[in-house]
Amino acid sequence: MLKIKIGKSLKVILLMSIMTLTKSSKRFMLISLKKKIRLAAFLRMNLTTKEIAATLNVLPDSILKSKYRLKKKLNLDKNTYLTTFLNTL
């Protein structure tokens, strides 16, 4: 398995969103959190959407949706690139 280090601040931002949830939704959020961290790690490696999709064996459209949702979760505006933001952490 590929192990990638990502910024602690990204983990803190994502973990803070889990704090107020119920037990069943926390379980779901932990799965979702792992996927978000994995996507963020791939983006920090400067992989393209197509490369990420091929690695995860999914369609590129699903990666684009995931990127959009992560950007929305991090409260980034439309002019901020997700990859640039993640690389500055």
PDB file of N, CA and C in Angstrom:
ATOM      1  N   MET A   1       0.840  -1.178   0.000  1.00  0.00           N
ATOM      2  CA  MET A   1       0.000   0.000   0.000  1.00  0.00           C
ATOM      3  C   MET A   1       0.881   1.235   0.000  1.00  0.00           C
ATOM      4  N   LEU A   2       0.500   2.206  -0.764  1.00  0.00           N
ATOM      5  CA  LEU A   2       1.236   3.454  -0.894  1.00  0.00           C
ATOM      6  C   LEU A   2       0.950   4.340   0.304  1.00  0.00           C
ATOM      7  N   LYS A   3       1.983   4.751   1.016  1.00  0.00           N
ATOM      8  CA  LYS A   3       1.803   5.627   2.168  1.00  0.00           C
ATOM      9  C   LYS A   3       2.290   7.016   1.789  1.00  0.00           C
ATOM     10  N   ILE A   4       1.427   7.995   2.020  1.00  0.00           N
ATOM     11  CA  ILE A   4       1.707   9.370   1.629  1.00  0.00           C
ATOM     12  C   ILE A   4       1.471  10.268   2.824  1.00  0.00           C
ATOM     13  N   LYS A   5       2.399  11.182   3.086  1.00  0.00           N
ATOM     14  CA  LYS A   5       2.222  12.135   4.166  1.00  0.00           C
ATOM     15  C   LYS A   5       1.480  13.352   3.633  1.00  0.00           C
ATOM     16  N   ILE A   6       0.455  13.765   4.378  1.00  0.00           N
ATOM     17  CA  ILE A   6      -0.235  14.999   4.022  1.00  0.00           C
ATOM     18  C   ILE A   6      -0.164  15.936   5.212  1.00  0.00           C
ATOM     19  N   GLY A   7      -0.476  17.167   4.987  1.00  0.00           N
ATOM     20  CA  GLY A   7      -0.363  18.169   6.031  1.00  0.00           C
ATOM     21  C   GLY A   7      -1.280  17.905   7.212  1.00  0.00           C
ATOM     22  N   LYS A   8      -0.778  18.215   8.409  1.00  0.00           N
ATOM     23  CA  LYS A   8      -1.571  18.033   9.616  1.00  0.00           C
ATOM     24  C   LYS A   8      -2.771  18.958   9.613  1.00  0.00           C
ATOM     25  N   SER A   9      -2.627  20.132   9.038  1.00  0.00           N
ATOM     26  CA  SER A   9      -3.741  21.081   9.053  1.00  0.00           C
ATOM     27  C   SER A   9      -4.925  20.555   8.255  1.00  0.00           C
ATOM     28  N   LEU A  10      -4.680  19.813   7.167  1.00  0.00           N
ATOM     29  CA  LEU A  10      -5.781  19.228   6.400  1.00  0.00           C
ATOM     30  C   LEU A  10      -6.503  18.184   7.239  1.00  0.00           C
ATOM     31  N   LYS A  11      -5.751  17.355   7.952  1.00  0.00           N
ATOM     32  CA  LYS A  11      -6.365  16.353   8.816  1.00  0.00           C
ATOM     33  C   LYS A  11      -7.202  17.022   9.898  1.00  0.00           C
ATOM     34  N   VAL A  12      -6.695  18.104  10.470  1.00  0.00           N
ATOM     35  CA  VAL A  12      -7.422  18.807  11.524  1.00  0.00           C
ATOM     36  C   VAL A  12      -8.718  19.378  10.975  1.00  0.00           C
ATOM     37  N   ILE A  13      -8.668  19.994   9.797  1.00  0.00           N
ATOM     38  CA  ILE A  13      -9.868  20.570   9.185  1.00  0.00           C
ATOM     39  C   ILE A  13     -10.914  19.486   8.956  1.00  0.00           C
ATOM     40  N   LEU A  14     -10.492  18.361   8.415  1.00  0.00           N
ATOM     41  CA  LEU A  14     -11.442  17.291   8.121  1.00  0.00           C
ATOM     42  C   LEU A  14     -11.953  16.612   9.385  1.00  0.00           C
ATOM     43  N   LEU A  15     -11.093  16.462  10.388  1.00  0.00           N
ATOM     44  CA  LEU A  15     -11.523  15.804  11.629  1.00  0.00           C
ATOM     45  C   LEU A  15     -12.466  16.678  12.449  1.00  0.00           C
ATOM     46  N   MET A  16     -12.325  17.997  12.353  1.00  0.00           N
ATOM     47  CA  MET A  16     -13.200  18.902  13.091  1.00  0.00           C
ATOM     48  C   MET A  16     -14.651  18.752  12.647  1.00  0.00           C
ATOM     49  N   SER A  17     -14.848  18.403  11.394  1.00  0.00           N
ATOM     50  CA  SER A  17     -16.212  18.257  10.894  1.00  0.00           C
ATOM     51  C   SER A  17     -16.900  17.011  11.452  1.00  0.00           C
ATOM     52  N   ILE A  18     -16.138  16.088  12.017  1.00  0.00           N
ATOM     53  CA  ILE A  18     -16.698  14.839  12.547  1.00  0.00           C
ATOM     54  C   ILE A  18     -17.142  14.978  14.007  1.00  0.00           C
ATOM     55  N   MET A  19     -16.619  15.948  14.715  1.00  0.00           N
ATOM     56  CA  MET A  19     -16.781  16.037  16.163  1.00  0.00           C
ATOM     57  C   MET A  19     -18.232  16.011  16.657  1.00  0.00           C
ATOM     58  N   THR A  20     -19.167  16.610  15.948  1.00  0.00           N
ATOM     59  CA  THR A  20     -20.522  16.760  16.474  1.00  0.00           C
ATOM     60  C   THR A  20     -21.504  15.733  15.924  1.00  0.00           C
ATOM     61  N   LEU A  21     -21.035  14.662  15.360  1.00  0.00           N
ATOM     62  CA  LEU A  21     -21.921  13.697  14.724  1.00  0.00           C
ATOM     63  C   LEU A  21     -22.292  12.548  15.659  1.00  0.00           C
ATOM     64  N   THR A  22     -23.372  11.832  15.323  1.00  0.00           N
ATOM     65  CA  THR A  22     -23.768  10.661  16.085  1.00  0.00           C
ATOM     66  C   THR A  22     -22.819   9.499  15.773  1.00  0.00           C
ATOM     67  N   LYS A  23     -22.937   8.426  16.513  1.00  0.00           N
ATOM     68  CA  LYS A  23     -22.031   7.288  16.353  1.00  0.00           C
ATOM     69  C   LYS A  23     -22.136   6.665  14.963  1.00  0.00           C
ATOM     70  N   SER A  24     -23.357   6.453  14.463  1.00  0.00           N
ATOM     71  CA  SER A  24     -23.508   5.828  13.146  1.00  0.00           C
ATOM     72  C   SER A  24     -23.012   6.741  12.037  1.00  0.00           C
ATOM     73  N   SER A  25     -23.265   8.033  12.167  1.00  0.00           N
ATOM     74  CA  SER A  25     -22.785   8.937  11.130  1.00  0.00           C
ATOM     75  C   SER A  25     -21.280   9.142  11.244  1.00  0.00           C
ATOM     76  N   LYS A  26     -20.706   8.986  12.437  1.00  0.00           N
ATOM     77  CA  LYS A  26     -19.254   9.063  12.582  1.00  0.00           C
ATOM     78  C   LYS A  26     -18.582   7.922  11.818  1.00  0.00           C
ATOM     79  N   ARG A  27     -19.183   6.737  11.887  1.00  0.00           N
ATOM     80  CA  ARG A  27     -18.627   5.593  11.175  1.00  0.00           C
ATOM     81  C   ARG A  27     -18.610   5.871   9.675  1.00  0.00           C
ATOM     82  N   PHE A  28     -19.712   6.409   9.177  1.00  0.00           N
ATOM     83  CA  PHE A  28     -19.786   6.766   7.762  1.00  0.00           C
ATOM     84  C   PHE A  28     -18.775   7.860   7.428  1.00  0.00           C
ATOM     85  N   MET A  29     -18.651   8.841   8.319  1.00  0.00           N
ATOM     86  CA  MET A  29     -17.732   9.957   8.072  1.00  0.00           C
ATOM     87  C   MET A  29     -16.275   9.505   8.088  1.00  0.00           C
ATOM     88  N   LEU A  30     -15.943   8.511   8.907  1.00  0.00           N
ATOM     89  CA  LEU A  30     -14.574   8.017   8.935  1.00  0.00           C
ATOM     90  C   LEU A  30     -14.206   7.374   7.602  1.00  0.00           C
ATOM     91  N   ILE A  31     -15.144   6.634   7.015  1.00  0.00           N
ATOM     92  CA  ILE A  31     -14.910   6.062   5.693  1.00  0.00           C
ATOM     93  C   ILE A  31     -14.746   7.177   4.677  1.00  0.00           C
ATOM     94  N   SER A  32     -15.627   8.156   4.766  1.00  0.00           N
ATOM     95  CA  SER A  32     -15.570   9.301   3.861  1.00  0.00           C
ATOM     96  C   SER A  32     -14.280  10.086   4.070  1.00  0.00           C
ATOM     97  N   LEU A  33     -13.858  10.229   5.325  1.00  0.00           N
ATOM     98  CA  LEU A  33     -12.632  10.957   5.637  1.00  0.00           C
ATOM     99  C   LEU A  33     -11.416  10.281   5.019  1.00  0.00           C
ATOM    100  N   LYS A  34     -11.364   8.962   5.081  1.00  0.00           N
ATOM    101  CA  LYS A  34     -10.243   8.232   4.486  1.00  0.00           C
ATOM    102  C   LYS A  34     -10.184   8.474   2.991  1.00  0.00           C
ATOM    103  N   LYS A  35     -11.357   8.529   2.340  1.00  0.00           N
ATOM    104  CA  LYS A  35     -11.388   8.780   0.904  1.00  0.00           C
ATOM    105  C   LYS A  35     -10.949  10.202   0.587  1.00  0.00           C
ATOM    106  N   LYS A  36     -11.343  11.158   1.425  1.00  0.00           N
ATOM    107  CA  LYS A  36     -10.936  12.547   1.208  1.00  0.00           C
ATOM    108  C   LYS A  36      -9.435  12.712   1.397  1.00  0.00           C
ATOM    109  N   ILE A  37      -8.897  12.066   2.404  1.00  0.00           N
ATOM    110  CA  ILE A  37      -7.450  12.148   2.651  1.00  0.00           C
ATOM    111  C   ILE A  37      -6.686  11.493   1.509  1.00  0.00           C
ATOM    112  N   ARG A  38      -7.196  10.364   1.013  1.00  0.00           N
ATOM    113  CA  ARG A  38      -6.547   9.687  -0.113  1.00  0.00           C
ATOM    114  C   ARG A  38      -6.561  10.575  -1.355  1.00  0.00           C
ATOM    115  N   LEU A  39      -7.707  11.217  -1.620  1.00  0.00           N
ATOM    116  CA  LEU A  39      -7.803  12.128  -2.764  1.00  0.00           C
ATOM    117  C   LEU A  39      -6.844  13.302  -2.590  1.00  0.00           C
ATOM    118  N   ALA A  40      -6.798  13.865  -1.392  1.00  0.00           N
ATOM    119  CA  ALA A  40      -5.893  14.980  -1.134  1.00  0.00           C
ATOM    120  C   ALA A  40      -4.437  14.564  -1.326  1.00  0.00           C
ATOM    121  N   ALA A  41      -4.106  13.359  -0.933  1.00  0.00           N
ATOM    122  CA  ALA A  41      -2.738  12.871  -1.103  1.00  0.00           C
ATOM    123  C   ALA A  41      -2.389  12.730  -2.586  1.00  0.00           C
ATOM    124  N   PHE A  42      -3.319  12.201  -3.366  1.00  0.00           N
ATOM    125  CA  PHE A  42      -3.091  12.083  -4.811  1.00  0.00           C
ATOM    126  C   PHE A  42      -2.930  13.462  -5.451  1.00  0.00           C
ATOM    127  N   LEU A  43      -3.731  14.416  -4.999  1.00  0.00           N
ATOM    128  CA  LEU A  43      -3.639  15.767  -5.555  1.00  0.00           C
ATOM    129  C   LEU A  43      -2.313  16.426  -5.188  1.00  0.00           C
ATOM    130  N   ARG A  44      -1.832  16.159  -3.968  1.00  0.00           N
ATOM    131  CA  ARG A  44      -0.531  16.709  -3.562  1.00  0.00           C
ATOM    132  C   ARG A  44       0.612  16.091  -4.363  1.00  0.00           C
ATOM    133  N   MET A  45       0.387  14.906  -4.899  1.00  0.00           N
ATOM    134  CA  MET A  45       1.386  14.265  -5.757  1.00  0.00           C
ATOM    135  C   MET A  45       1.316  14.808  -7.181  1.00  0.00           C
ATOM    136  N   ASN A  46       0.414  15.771  -7.405  1.00  0.00           N
ATOM    137  CA  ASN A  46       0.206  16.402  -8.716  1.00  0.00           C
ATOM    138  C   ASN A  46      -0.234  15.415  -9.786  1.00  0.00           C
ATOM    139  N   LEU A  47      -1.057  14.426  -9.387  1.00  0.00           N
ATOM    140  CA  LEU A  47      -1.631  13.510 -10.362  1.00  0.00           C
ATOM    141  C   LEU A  47      -2.828  14.178 -11.021  1.00  0.00           C
ATOM    142  N   THR A  48      -3.048  13.876 -12.281  1.00  0.00           N
ATOM    143  CA  THR A  48      -4.204  14.422 -12.984  1.00  0.00           C
ATOM    144  C   THR A  48      -5.454  13.648 -12.594  1.00  0.00           C
ATOM    145  N   THR A  49      -6.591  14.198 -12.963  1.00  0.00           N
ATOM    146  CA  THR A  49      -7.859  13.536 -12.678  1.00  0.00           C
ATOM    147  C   THR A  49      -7.912  12.165 -13.332  1.00  0.00           C
ATOM    148  N   LYS A  50      -7.425  12.071 -14.556  1.00  0.00           N
ATOM    149  CA  LYS A  50      -7.430  10.789 -15.257  1.00  0.00           C
ATOM    150  C   LYS A  50      -6.514   9.769 -14.585  1.00  0.00           C
ATOM    151  N   GLU A  51      -5.361  10.222 -14.108  1.00  0.00           N
ATOM    152  CA  GLU A  51      -4.431   9.315 -13.425  1.00  0.00           C
ATOM    153  C   GLU A  51      -5.027   8.804 -12.113  1.00  0.00           C
ATOM    154  N   ILE A  52      -5.684   9.695 -11.374  1.00  0.00           N
ATOM    155  CA  ILE A  52      -6.322   9.282 -10.120  1.00  0.00           C
ATOM    156  C   ILE A  52      -7.441   8.287 -10.410  1.00  0.00           C
ATOM    157  N   ALA A  53      -8.237   8.589 -11.428  1.00  0.00           N
ATOM    158  CA  ALA A  53      -9.346   7.695 -11.793  1.00  0.00           C
ATOM    159  C   ALA A  53      -8.834   6.319 -12.191  1.00  0.00           C
ATOM    160  N   ALA A  54      -7.758   6.271 -12.953  1.00  0.00           N
ATOM    161  CA  ALA A  54      -7.192   4.985 -13.364  1.00  0.00           C
ATOM    162  C   ALA A  54      -6.651   4.219 -12.157  1.00  0.00           C
ATOM    163  N   THR A  55      -6.033   4.917 -11.223  1.00  0.00           N
ATOM    164  CA  THR A  55      -5.491   4.285 -10.028  1.00  0.00           C
ATOM    165  C   THR A  55      -6.596   3.686  -9.162  1.00  0.00           C
ATOM    166  N   LEU A  56      -7.704   4.424  -9.027  1.00  0.00           N
ATOM    167  CA  LEU A  56      -8.796   3.979  -8.163  1.00  0.00           C
ATOM    168  C   LEU A  56      -9.841   3.158  -8.906  1.00  0.00           C
ATOM    169  N   ASN A  57      -9.646   2.987 -10.208  1.00  0.00           N
ATOM    170  CA  ASN A  57     -10.556   2.220 -11.053  1.00  0.00           C
ATOM    171  C   ASN A  57     -11.981   2.786 -11.022  1.00  0.00           C
ATOM    172  N   VAL A  58     -12.075   4.107 -11.178  1.00  0.00           N
ATOM    173  CA  VAL A  58     -13.371   4.791 -11.244  1.00  0.00           C
ATOM    174  C   VAL A  58     -13.361   5.723 -12.452  1.00  0.00           C
ATOM    175  N   LEU A  59     -14.506   6.304 -12.757  1.00  0.00           N
ATOM    176  CA  LEU A  59     -14.596   7.246 -13.867  1.00  0.00           C
ATOM    177  C   LEU A  59     -13.999   8.593 -13.470  1.00  0.00           C
ATOM    178  N   PRO A  60     -13.407   9.306 -14.427  1.00  0.00           N
ATOM    179  CA  PRO A  60     -12.874  10.635 -14.130  1.00  0.00           C
ATOM    180  C   PRO A  60     -13.944  11.606 -13.617  1.00  0.00           C
ATOM    181  N   ASP A  61     -15.191  11.431 -14.041  1.00  0.00           N
ATOM    182  CA  ASP A  61     -16.270  12.294 -13.557  1.00  0.00           C
ATOM    183  C   ASP A  61     -16.471  12.169 -12.051  1.00  0.00           C
ATOM    184  N   SER A  62     -16.305  10.972 -11.517  1.00  0.00           N
ATOM    185  CA  SER A  62     -16.462  10.807 -10.068  1.00  0.00           C
ATOM    186  C   SER A  62     -15.328  11.483  -9.309  1.00  0.00           C
ATOM    187  N   ILE A  63     -14.145  11.513  -9.889  1.00  0.00           N
ATOM    188  CA  ILE A  63     -13.028  12.230  -9.266  1.00  0.00           C
ATOM    189  C   ILE A  63     -13.300  13.729  -9.291  1.00  0.00           C
ATOM    190  N   LEU A  64     -13.828  14.225 -10.399  1.00  0.00           N
ATOM    191  CA  LEU A  64     -14.167  15.650 -10.484  1.00  0.00           C
ATOM    192  C   LEU A  64     -15.209  16.021  -9.437  1.00  0.00           C
ATOM    193  N   LYS A  65     -16.198  15.170  -9.228  1.00  0.00           N
ATOM    194  CA  LYS A  65     -17.219  15.427  -8.211  1.00  0.00           C
ATOM    195  C   LYS A  65     -16.609  15.405  -6.817  1.00  0.00           C
ATOM    196  N   SER A  66     -15.712  14.464  -6.586  1.00  0.00           N
ATOM    197  CA  SER A  66     -15.049  14.385  -5.280  1.00  0.00           C
ATOM    198  C   SER A  66     -14.192  15.611  -5.026  1.00  0.00           C
ATOM    199  N   LYS A  67     -13.507  16.074  -6.051  1.00  0.00           N
ATOM    200  CA  LYS A  67     -12.694  17.285  -5.919  1.00  0.00           C
ATOM    201  C   LYS A  67     -13.582  18.491  -5.609  1.00  0.00           C
ATOM    202  N   TYR A  68     -14.715  18.566  -6.282  1.00  0.00           N
ATOM    203  CA  TYR A  68     -15.648  19.666  -6.046  1.00  0.00           C
ATOM    204  C   TYR A  68     -16.154  19.643  -4.606  1.00  0.00           C
ATOM    205  N   ARG A  69     -16.522  18.439  -4.130  1.00  0.00           N
ATOM    206  CA  ARG A  69     -17.044  18.318  -2.769  1.00  0.00           C
ATOM    207  C   ARG A  69     -15.979  18.646  -1.724  1.00  0.00           C
ATOM    208  N   LEU A  70     -14.747  18.232  -1.969  1.00  0.00           N
ATOM    209  CA  LEU A  70     -13.656  18.544  -1.041  1.00  0.00           C
ATOM    210  C   LEU A  70     -13.399  20.043  -1.016  1.00  0.00           C
ATOM    211  N   LYS A  71     -13.424  20.660  -2.173  1.00  0.00           N
ATOM    212  CA  LYS A  71     -13.223  22.113  -2.262  1.00  0.00           C
ATOM    213  C   LYS A  71     -14.332  22.848  -1.517  1.00  0.00           C
ATOM    214  N   LYS A  72     -15.554  22.361  -1.659  1.00  0.00           N
ATOM    215  CA  LYS A  72     -16.697  22.955  -0.970  1.00  0.00           C
ATOM    216  C   LYS A  72     -16.565  22.762   0.541  1.00  0.00           C
ATOM    217  N   LYS A  73     -16.113  21.581   0.956  1.00  0.00           N
ATOM    218  CA  LYS A  73     -15.946  21.268   2.384  1.00  0.00           C
ATOM    219  C   LYS A  73     -14.882  22.170   3.027  1.00  0.00           C
ATOM    220  N   LEU A  74     -13.865  22.516   2.256  1.00  0.00           N
ATOM    221  CA  LEU A  74     -12.785  23.363   2.758  1.00  0.00           C
ATOM    222  C   LEU A  74     -13.098  24.851   2.613  1.00  0.00           C
ATOM    223  N   ASN A  75     -14.297  25.168   2.137  1.00  0.00           N
ATOM    224  CA  ASN A  75     -14.745  26.558   1.959  1.00  0.00           C
ATOM    225  C   ASN A  75     -13.816  27.375   1.067  1.00  0.00           C
ATOM    226  N   LEU A  76     -13.374  26.772  -0.027  1.00  0.00           N
ATOM    227  CA  LEU A  76     -12.537  27.477  -0.974  1.00  0.00           C
ATOM    228  C   LEU A  76     -13.418  28.144  -2.021  1.00  0.00           C
ATOM    229  N   ASP A  77     -13.026  29.333  -2.457  1.00  0.00           N
ATOM    230  CA  ASP A  77     -13.815  29.998  -3.490  1.00  0.00           C
ATOM    231  C   ASP A  77     -13.485  29.424  -4.863  1.00  0.00           C
ATOM    232  N   LYS A  78     -14.236  29.848  -5.862  1.00  0.00           N
ATOM    233  CA  LYS A  78     -14.094  29.288  -7.205  1.00  0.00           C
ATOM    234  C   LYS A  78     -12.745  29.622  -7.844  1.00  0.00           C
ATOM    235  N   ASN A  79     -12.121  30.689  -7.399  1.00  0.00           N
ATOM    236  CA  ASN A  79     -10.857  31.117  -7.998  1.00  0.00           C
ATOM    237  C   ASN A  79      -9.639  30.407  -7.411  1.00  0.00           C
ATOM    238  N   THR A  80      -9.813  29.669  -6.329  1.00  0.00           N
ATOM    239  CA  THR A  80      -8.712  28.970  -5.677  1.00  0.00           C
ATOM    240  C   THR A  80      -8.611  27.550  -6.215  1.00  0.00           C
ATOM    241  N   TYR A  81      -7.426  27.175  -6.664  1.00  0.00           N
ATOM    242  CA  TYR A  81      -7.204  25.815  -7.143  1.00  0.00           C
ATOM    243  C   TYR A  81      -6.975  24.900  -5.940  1.00  0.00           C
ATOM    244  N   LEU A  82      -7.641  23.759  -5.956  1.00  0.00           N
ATOM    245  CA  LEU A  82      -7.542  22.811  -4.851  1.00  0.00           C
ATOM    246  C   LEU A  82      -6.121  22.286  -4.694  1.00  0.00           C
ATOM    247  N   THR A  83      -5.498  21.947  -5.801  1.00  0.00           N
ATOM    248  CA  THR A  83      -4.131  21.408  -5.745  1.00  0.00           C
ATOM    249  C   THR A  83      -3.155  22.427  -5.166  1.00  0.00           C
ATOM    250  N   THR A  84      -3.286  23.665  -5.586  1.00  0.00           N
ATOM    251  CA  THR A  84      -2.414  24.735  -5.074  1.00  0.00           C
ATOM    252  C   THR A  84      -2.631  24.913  -3.573  1.00  0.00           C
ATOM    253  N   PHE A  85      -3.891  24.911  -3.154  1.00  0.00           N
ATOM    254  CA  PHE A  85      -4.204  25.062  -1.726  1.00  0.00           C
ATOM    255  C   PHE A  85      -3.599  23.918  -0.918  1.00  0.00           C
ATOM    256  N   LEU A  86      -3.761  22.686  -1.387  1.00  0.00           N
ATOM    257  CA  LEU A  86      -3.238  21.535  -0.645  1.00  0.00           C
ATOM    258  C   LEU A  86      -1.720  21.540  -0.584  1.00  0.00           C
ATOM    259  N   ASN A  87      -1.073  22.020  -1.621  1.00  0.00           N
ATOM    260  CA  ASN A  87       0.385  22.054  -1.624  1.00  0.00           C
ATOM    261  C   ASN A  87       0.950  23.142  -0.729  1.00  0.00           C
ATOM    262  N   THR A  88       0.115  24.118  -0.339  1.00  0.00           N
ATOM    263  CA  THR A  88       0.593  25.161   0.563  1.00  0.00           C
ATOM    264  C   THR A  88       0.447  24.772   2.028  1.00  0.00           C
ATOM    265  N   LEU A  89      -0.253  23.667   2.308  1.00  0.00           N
ATOM    266  CA  LEU A  89      -0.436  23.240   3.708  1.00  0.00           C
ATOM    267  C   LEU A  89       0.832  22.661   4.271  1.00  0.00           C
TER     268      LEU A  89
END
